[in-house]
């Protein structure tokens, strides 16, 4: 297998978590950049990272990077890359693009130049003047930043947050990748209870259960690169076999969620069932004021409603006040709350021990961490 330069793209603020996940998978040679982690790996790494990464959005093959301040430079730079090593003669190869702080600022024009350059490159290898584009899809992206063009191939297809267990959605759902990040940042372990009093469609409890049982989040879906000649089916079979062997479904879990919205709970129950976790998770319709998490030394991880997201500021403030009252009734618990509310600490009745800036979609939020006592050593 060849060594490849790969990119795990992610939301801003999650880069360090993605880097940690990659190291745990054995990919320690990496560079952390804004919104991405660049790492080295072979073809099997493409399959393994698509299956295993909980907080990344997609896995890209970096084909090349060069300075391009003119369309001629962009064309020649793209044409010189080894496209035929990946793209077969019958492939579809649409081009997507982005440009920021670069002289080549017209994204449609850049996309057109890249398409023409790839066609010219493939013509030289395949000896044809026309490509039917009826085969597997190889999405090319040209990204221009400060006049540096980066060309990648998208191995993932639909974003990695689409795990395959979510058939229905609720209003303002939390992305699965962000929910997993919250659980990983909390350093929760399956030996402790976990409760989400604003669980909505159940994303945080479900992602926690996947983590607790060491279930690869991509096991229930397919990826664009599964149709690629360069990544044959047996390679994906090996990666999936490894993932199935790693499942620890004999670990007891104490994970629950509640929400005042009965329709959201219906969605949560259906999603848990689709994820194979229906027996492990408890969901109930209940306002936060009535929530009674069971057990000691638990982790309360939640994404409470807020005005920007759901449109009612007064209701959002009441929810935060009731959340603070709930935490006061749980002296041994720790709480981890993502919110844009500037007065969150006021409602919680204490300053957070740690907080981290994260983006929920385009909304800037802070992930506040309120630490409780550690469980006694046994």
Protein backbone atom coordinates (compact mmCIF):
# COMPACT_ATOMS: atom_id res chain seq x y z
CA UNK A 1 0.00 0.00 0.00
CA UNK A 2 1.11 3.55 -0.68
CA UNK A 3 1.59 6.25 1.93
CA UNK A 4 -1.00 8.95 1.39
CA UNK A 5 -1.46 12.49 2.65
CA UNK A 6 -4.94 12.49 4.18
CA UNK A 7 -7.10 15.22 5.68
CA UNK A 8 -9.71 14.85 8.42
CA UNK A 9 -11.92 17.92 7.95
CA UNK A 10 -13.91 19.08 10.96
CA UNK A 11 -15.80 21.98 12.53
CA UNK A 12 -13.76 24.82 13.98
CA UNK A 13 -12.90 24.12 17.60
CA UNK A 14 -12.84 20.34 17.24
CA UNK A 15 -9.37 20.00 15.70
CA UNK A 16 -7.63 18.88 18.91
CA UNK A 17 -10.27 16.21 19.54
CA UNK A 18 -9.94 14.88 15.98
CA UNK A 19 -6.15 14.84 16.42
CA UNK A 20 -6.55 12.82 19.62
CA UNK A 21 -8.87 10.36 17.90
CA UNK A 22 -6.36 9.90 15.07
CA UNK A 23 -3.52 9.24 17.53
CA UNK A 24 -5.65 6.61 19.28
CA UNK A 25 -6.12 4.93 15.88
CA UNK A 26 -2.34 4.92 15.38
CA UNK A 27 -1.94 7.94 13.10
CA UNK A 28 0.48 10.06 15.08
CA UNK A 29 2.20 11.79 12.14
CA UNK A 30 -0.12 14.76 11.79
CA UNK A 31 -0.41 18.52 11.48
CA UNK A 32 -3.30 20.42 13.04
CA UNK A 33 -4.69 23.29 10.96
CA UNK A 34 -7.84 25.40 11.18
CA UNK A 35 -10.80 23.12 10.50
CA UNK A 36 -8.68 20.09 9.63
CA UNK A 37 -6.00 17.64 10.70
CA UNK A 38 -3.55 16.52 8.01
CA UNK A 39 -2.12 13.03 8.62
CA UNK A 40 -0.25 10.21 6.90
CA UNK A 41 -1.74 6.81 6.23
CA UNK A 42 -2.29 4.14 3.61
CA UNK A 43 -5.43 3.04 1.76
CA UNK A 44 -6.59 1.04 4.80
CA UNK A 45 -6.38 4.27 6.83
CA UNK A 46 -9.05 5.76 4.55
CA UNK A 47 -11.47 3.00 5.51
CA UNK A 48 -10.52 2.93 9.20
CA UNK A 49 -10.81 6.69 9.73
CA UNK A 50 -14.13 6.90 7.90
CA UNK A 51 -15.48 4.14 10.14
CA UNK A 52 -13.99 5.31 13.44
CA UNK A 53 -13.71 9.10 13.62
CA UNK A 54 -16.54 10.45 15.78
CA UNK A 55 -15.84 14.19 15.54
CA UNK A 56 -14.58 14.71 11.95
CA UNK A 57 -16.85 15.62 9.02
CA UNK A 58 -15.06 13.86 6.19
CA UNK A 59 -11.82 12.20 5.08
CA UNK A 60 -10.05 13.67 2.04
CA UNK A 61 -7.07 12.53 -0.02
CA UNK A 62 -4.79 15.51 -0.55
CA UNK A 63 -3.74 15.30 -4.20
CA UNK A 64 -1.51 18.35 -4.20
CA UNK A 65 -0.90 21.89 -3.00
CA UNK A 66 0.74 24.80 -4.85
CA UNK A 67 0.66 28.57 -5.25
CA UNK A 68 -1.82 29.83 -7.86
CA UNK A 69 -2.35 33.54 -8.49
CA UNK A 70 -3.42 33.15 -12.14
CA UNK A 71 -5.73 30.77 -13.97
CA UNK A 72 -2.73 29.49 -15.97
CA UNK A 73 -0.92 28.56 -12.74
CA UNK A 74 -4.05 26.85 -11.44
CA UNK A 75 -4.54 24.92 -14.70
CA UNK A 76 -0.93 23.73 -14.99
CA UNK A 77 -0.68 22.86 -11.29
CA UNK A 78 -3.85 20.74 -11.40
CA UNK A 79 -2.92 19.08 -14.69
CA UNK A 80 0.42 17.93 -13.25
CA UNK A 81 -1.19 15.93 -10.43
CA UNK A 82 -1.64 12.17 -10.62
CA UNK A 83 -5.38 11.99 -11.20
CA UNK A 84 -5.31 8.76 -13.21
CA UNK A 85 -3.85 7.00 -10.18
CA UNK A 86 -7.27 7.42 -8.59
CA UNK A 87 -9.89 8.27 -11.20
CA UNK A 88 -10.84 5.54 -13.72
CA UNK A 89 -11.94 6.31 -17.26
CA UNK A 90 -15.69 5.98 -16.56
CA UNK A 91 -15.75 7.96 -13.28
CA UNK A 92 -17.89 10.94 -12.42
CA UNK A 93 -15.62 13.74 -11.16
CA UNK A 94 -17.57 16.86 -10.19
CA UNK A 95 -15.57 19.78 -8.84
CA UNK A 96 -16.47 21.79 -5.74
CA UNK A 97 -14.63 24.92 -4.68
CA UNK A 98 -13.86 27.52 -2.05
CA UNK A 99 -11.75 30.68 -2.14
CA UNK A 100 -10.67 32.93 0.72
CA UNK A 101 -8.16 35.80 0.70
CA UNK A 102 -6.95 34.81 -2.77
CA UNK A 103 -6.53 36.61 -6.09
CA UNK A 104 -8.52 33.85 -7.80
CA UNK A 105 -11.74 34.79 -6.02
CA UNK A 106 -14.34 33.51 -8.51
CA UNK A 107 -15.19 30.01 -7.28
CA UNK A 108 -17.18 29.00 -10.42
CA UNK A 109 -14.29 30.06 -12.64
CA UNK A 110 -11.81 28.08 -10.53
CA UNK A 111 -14.06 25.02 -10.64
CA UNK A 112 -14.21 25.25 -14.43
CA UNK A 113 -10.42 25.54 -14.75
CA UNK A 114 -9.87 22.56 -12.43
CA UNK A 115 -12.35 20.44 -14.39
CA UNK A 116 -10.62 21.24 -17.69
CA UNK A 117 -7.19 20.51 -16.19
CA UNK A 118 -8.26 17.13 -14.80
CA UNK A 119 -9.80 16.21 -18.14
CA UNK A 120 -6.54 17.09 -19.93
CA UNK A 121 -4.56 15.04 -17.40
CA UNK A 122 -6.83 12.00 -17.86
CA UNK A 123 -6.82 12.36 -21.67
CA UNK A 124 -3.06 11.84 -21.69
CA UNK A 125 -3.43 8.54 -19.85
CA UNK A 126 -6.62 7.10 -21.31
CA UNK A 127 -6.17 8.34 -24.89
CA UNK A 128 -9.73 9.57 -25.25
CA UNK A 129 -11.20 13.01 -25.86
CA UNK A 130 -14.52 12.44 -24.08
CA UNK A 131 -15.47 11.00 -20.68
CA UNK A 132 -18.99 9.61 -20.18
CA UNK A 133 -18.87 10.02 -16.38
CA UNK A 134 -21.28 7.17 -15.71
CA UNK A 135 -19.23 5.32 -13.07
CA UNK A 136 -18.37 5.85 -9.39
CA UNK A 137 -18.24 9.39 -8.01
CA UNK A 138 -14.92 11.06 -7.19
CA UNK A 139 -15.69 14.52 -5.83
CA UNK A 140 -12.77 16.90 -6.32
CA UNK A 141 -12.43 20.01 -4.19
CA UNK A 142 -10.26 23.02 -4.97
CA UNK A 143 -9.66 25.18 -1.92
CA UNK A 144 -7.83 28.50 -2.30
CA UNK A 145 -6.48 30.19 0.80
CA UNK A 146 -3.96 33.04 0.66
CA UNK A 147 -3.26 32.17 -3.01
CA UNK A 148 -2.39 28.54 -2.16
CA UNK A 149 -4.50 25.96 -4.00
CA UNK A 150 -5.20 22.64 -2.29
CA UNK A 151 -6.72 19.82 -4.35
CA UNK A 152 -8.46 16.94 -2.62
CA UNK A 153 -10.65 13.92 -3.33
CA UNK A 154 -13.57 13.31 -0.96
CA UNK A 155 -13.64 9.66 0.20
CA UNK A 156 -16.62 10.07 2.53
CA UNK A 157 -19.65 11.24 0.56
CA UNK A 158 -22.42 12.45 2.90
CA UNK A 159 -20.82 13.97 6.01
CA UNK A 160 -19.62 11.64 8.76
CA UNK A 161 -22.23 13.05 11.14
CA UNK A 162 -24.77 11.02 9.17
CA UNK A 163 -24.27 7.80 11.11
CA UNK A 164 -27.23 5.97 9.62
CA UNK A 165 -29.37 5.66 12.74
CA UNK A 166 -31.22 8.97 12.34
CA UNK A 167 -34.23 8.53 10.04
CA UNK A 168 -36.21 11.47 11.47
CA UNK A 169 -35.06 14.87 12.72
CA UNK A 170 -36.37 17.37 15.22
CA UNK A 171 -36.18 21.14 15.27
CA UNK A 172 -32.60 22.39 15.76
CA UNK A 173 -30.96 18.97 16.14
CA UNK A 174 -27.44 18.68 17.52
CA UNK A 175 -25.01 17.20 14.99
CA UNK A 176 -23.79 13.75 15.94
CA UNK A 177 -20.16 14.83 15.54
CA UNK A 178 -20.60 17.70 18.01
CA UNK A 179 -22.54 15.49 20.45
CA UNK A 180 -19.70 12.96 20.39
CA UNK A 181 -17.20 15.77 20.98
CA UNK A 182 -19.11 16.90 24.08
CA UNK A 183 -19.01 13.38 25.50
CA UNK A 184 -15.30 12.98 24.73
CA UNK A 185 -14.47 16.39 26.23
CA UNK A 186 -16.36 15.49 29.40
CA UNK A 187 -14.06 12.49 29.87
CA UNK A 188 -17.15 10.51 30.88
CA UNK A 189 -16.59 6.78 31.30
CA UNK A 190 -19.23 4.02 31.07
CA UNK A 191 -18.72 3.22 34.75
CA UNK A 192 -20.57 6.47 35.57
CA UNK A 193 -24.22 7.43 34.96
CA UNK A 194 -24.93 9.91 32.18
CA UNK A 195 -28.05 12.04 31.89
CA UNK A 196 -29.27 14.63 29.37
CA UNK A 197 -32.32 16.60 30.61
CA UNK A 198 -32.76 18.37 27.24
CA UNK A 199 -32.09 15.32 25.09
CA UNK A 200 -34.26 16.30 22.09
CA UNK A 201 -33.85 13.52 19.56
CA UNK A 202 -31.41 11.68 21.82
CA UNK A 203 -28.14 12.46 20.07
CA UNK A 204 -25.95 12.89 23.18
CA UNK A 205 -27.16 9.68 24.91
CA UNK A 206 -26.84 7.66 21.69
CA UNK A 207 -23.33 8.95 20.94
CA UNK A 208 -22.33 8.26 24.56
CA UNK A 209 -23.57 4.68 24.25
CA UNK A 210 -21.59 4.20 21.03
CA UNK A 211 -18.49 5.46 22.87
CA UNK A 212 -19.24 3.35 25.96
CA UNK A 213 -19.48 0.18 23.89
CA UNK A 214 -16.61 1.18 21.56
CA UNK A 215 -18.86 0.95 18.50
CA UNK A 216 -17.36 2.59 15.42
CA UNK A 217 -19.86 5.31 14.43
CA UNK A 218 -19.63 4.55 10.71
CA UNK A 219 -20.55 0.86 10.95
CA UNK A 220 -24.14 1.43 9.79
CA UNK A 221 -23.42 3.44 6.65
CA UNK A 222 -21.57 3.41 3.34
CA UNK A 223 -18.89 5.74 1.98
CA UNK A 224 -18.17 7.17 -1.46
CA UNK A 225 -14.78 5.48 -1.69
CA UNK A 226 -16.27 1.99 -1.28
CA UNK A 227 -16.95 2.13 -5.04
CA UNK A 228 -13.37 3.11 -5.90
CA UNK A 229 -10.99 0.66 -7.62
CA UNK A 230 -8.10 1.91 -5.48
CA UNK A 231 -9.92 0.79 -2.31
CA UNK A 232 -11.22 -2.74 -3.03
CA UNK A 233 -14.06 -4.40 -1.06
CA UNK A 234 -11.71 -6.67 0.92
CA UNK A 235 -10.00 -3.60 2.37
CA UNK A 236 -13.33 -2.32 3.68
CA UNK A 237 -14.18 -5.82 4.92
CA UNK A 238 -10.95 -5.89 6.92
CA UNK A 239 -11.68 -2.50 8.45
CA UNK A 240 -15.23 -3.52 9.36
CA UNK A 241 -14.10 -6.84 10.82
CA UNK A 242 -11.66 -4.98 13.03
CA UNK A 243 -14.44 -2.63 14.16
CA UNK A 244 -16.87 -5.46 14.93
CA UNK A 245 -14.18 -7.27 16.93
CA UNK A 246 -13.59 -4.12 18.98
CA UNK A 247 -17.22 -3.79 20.18
CA UNK A 248 -17.61 -4.17 23.95
CA UNK A 249 -21.36 -4.69 24.27
CA UNK A 250 -21.01 -6.52 27.58
CA UNK A 251 -20.24 -3.24 29.40
CA UNK A 252 -23.25 -2.16 31.50
CA UNK A 253 -24.46 1.35 30.69
CA UNK A 254 -26.54 3.76 32.76
CA UNK A 255 -27.53 6.41 30.20
CA UNK A 256 -30.81 8.31 30.13
CA UNK A 257 -32.40 11.38 28.61
CA UNK A 258 -35.58 13.38 28.99
CA UNK A 259 -37.28 16.21 27.17
CA UNK A 260 -40.54 18.11 27.50
CA UNK A 261 -41.29 17.50 23.80
CA UNK A 262 -42.99 14.11 23.33
CA UNK A 263 -42.41 14.18 19.55
CA UNK A 264 -38.66 14.57 20.14
CA UNK A 265 -38.68 11.61 22.52
CA UNK A 266 -40.44 9.53 19.87
CA UNK A 267 -37.60 10.39 17.47
CA UNK A 268 -35.02 9.55 20.16
CA UNK A 269 -36.56 6.14 20.81
CA UNK A 270 -36.65 5.35 17.07
CA UNK A 271 -33.02 6.44 16.64
CA UNK A 272 -31.87 4.34 19.62
CA UNK A 273 -33.66 1.34 18.14
CA UNK A 274 -32.05 1.91 14.73
CA UNK A 275 -28.64 2.14 16.44
CA UNK A 276 -29.21 -1.19 18.19
CA UNK A 277 -29.31 0.52 21.59
CA UNK A 278 -33.02 0.46 22.46
CA UNK A 279 -32.50 -1.71 25.55
CA UNK A 280 -29.55 0.29 26.85
CA UNK A 281 -31.01 3.81 26.82
CA UNK A 282 -33.92 5.23 28.80
CA UNK A 283 -35.94 8.15 27.44
CA UNK A 284 -38.95 9.84 28.99
CA UNK A 285 -41.12 12.88 28.44
CA UNK A 286 -40.38 15.17 31.37
CA UNK A 287 -39.59 18.83 32.06
CA UNK A 288 -36.16 19.53 33.49
CA UNK A 289 -37.77 20.69 36.74
CA UNK A 290 -39.04 17.13 37.30
CA UNK A 291 -35.89 15.30 36.21
CA UNK A 292 -34.39 12.92 38.74
CA UNK A 293 -31.16 11.35 37.47
CA UNK A 294 -30.30 8.20 39.35
CA UNK A 295 -26.96 7.23 40.79
CA UNK A 296 -23.95 9.15 42.09
CA UNK A 297 -20.87 10.69 40.48
CA UNK A 298 -22.65 11.00 37.16
CA UNK A 299 -22.16 13.29 34.19
CA UNK A 300 -24.94 15.62 33.10
CA UNK A 301 -24.17 16.48 29.46
CA UNK A 302 -26.65 18.68 27.66
CA UNK A 303 -27.49 21.22 24.98
CA UNK A 304 -30.28 23.33 26.52
CA UNK A 305 -32.62 25.32 24.29
CA UNK A 306 -31.69 28.92 23.56
CA UNK A 307 -33.38 31.82 21.85
CA UNK A 308 -31.12 31.97 18.78
CA UNK A 309 -31.81 28.31 18.13
CA UNK A 310 -35.49 27.93 18.98
CA UNK A 311 -36.76 31.49 19.07
CA UNK A 312 -38.08 32.05 22.61
CA UNK A 313 -35.60 33.81 24.89
CA UNK A 314 -37.83 33.81 27.99
CA UNK A 315 -38.40 30.05 27.80
CA UNK A 316 -34.70 29.52 27.25
CA UNK A 317 -33.80 31.50 30.39
CA UNK A 318 -36.30 29.55 32.46
CA UNK A 319 -34.81 26.30 31.18
CA UNK A 320 -31.31 27.40 32.24
CA UNK A 321 -32.57 28.43 35.68
CA UNK A 322 -34.20 25.03 36.17
CA UNK A 323 -31.04 23.31 34.96
CA UNK A 324 -29.07 25.16 37.63
CA UNK A 325 -31.57 24.05 40.26
CA UNK A 326 -31.26 20.45 39.07
CA UNK A 327 -27.47 20.53 39.39
CA UNK A 328 -27.75 21.82 42.96
CA UNK A 329 -29.74 18.67 43.78
CA UNK A 330 -26.90 16.49 42.45
CA UNK A 331 -23.92 17.24 44.72
CA UNK A 332 -21.75 14.40 43.41
CA UNK A 333 -22.42 15.01 39.72
CA UNK A 334 -20.46 16.96 37.11
CA UNK A 335 -22.25 19.04 34.47
CA UNK A 336 -21.18 19.82 30.90
CA UNK A 337 -23.34 22.41 29.15
CA UNK A 338 -23.02 23.86 25.65
CA UNK A 339 -24.70 27.26 25.31
CA UNK A 340 -24.24 30.74 23.82
CA UNK A 341 -25.85 32.29 26.91
CA UNK A 342 -23.50 34.85 28.46
CA UNK A 343 -25.17 34.43 31.84
CA UNK A 344 -25.04 30.66 31.95
CA UNK A 345 -22.79 30.63 35.03
CA UNK A 346 -25.27 32.93 36.79
CA UNK A 347 -28.11 30.49 36.17
CA UNK A 348 -25.95 27.54 37.23
CA UNK A 349 -25.07 29.29 40.50
CA UNK A 350 -21.29 28.95 40.10
CA UNK A 351 -18.42 29.67 37.74
CA UNK A 352 -17.47 26.90 35.37
CA UNK A 353 -14.19 25.13 36.08
CA UNK A 354 -13.41 25.14 32.38
CA UNK A 355 -15.01 26.46 29.24
CA UNK A 356 -14.20 26.02 25.59
CA UNK A 357 -15.43 27.88 22.50
CA UNK A 358 -17.28 25.64 20.06
CA UNK A 359 -19.60 26.26 17.11
CA UNK A 360 -23.05 24.69 16.98
CA UNK A 361 -23.61 25.15 13.27
CA UNK A 362 -22.84 28.86 12.80
CA UNK A 363 -23.72 29.82 16.37
CA UNK A 364 -20.75 30.55 18.61
CA UNK A 365 -21.20 28.77 21.92
CA UNK A 366 -19.18 27.88 24.99
CA UNK A 367 -18.92 24.41 26.45
CA UNK A 368 -18.99 25.00 30.20
CA UNK A 369 -17.62 22.29 32.46
CA UNK A 370 -18.68 22.16 36.10
CA UNK A 371 -16.69 19.49 37.91
CA UNK A 372 -18.12 17.51 40.78
CA UNK A 373 -16.12 15.27 43.14
CA UNK A 374 -14.35 12.24 41.74
CA UNK A 375 -15.81 8.83 42.59
CA UNK A 376 -14.11 7.19 45.58
CA UNK A 377 -11.43 4.66 44.71
CA UNK A 378 -12.52 1.09 45.25
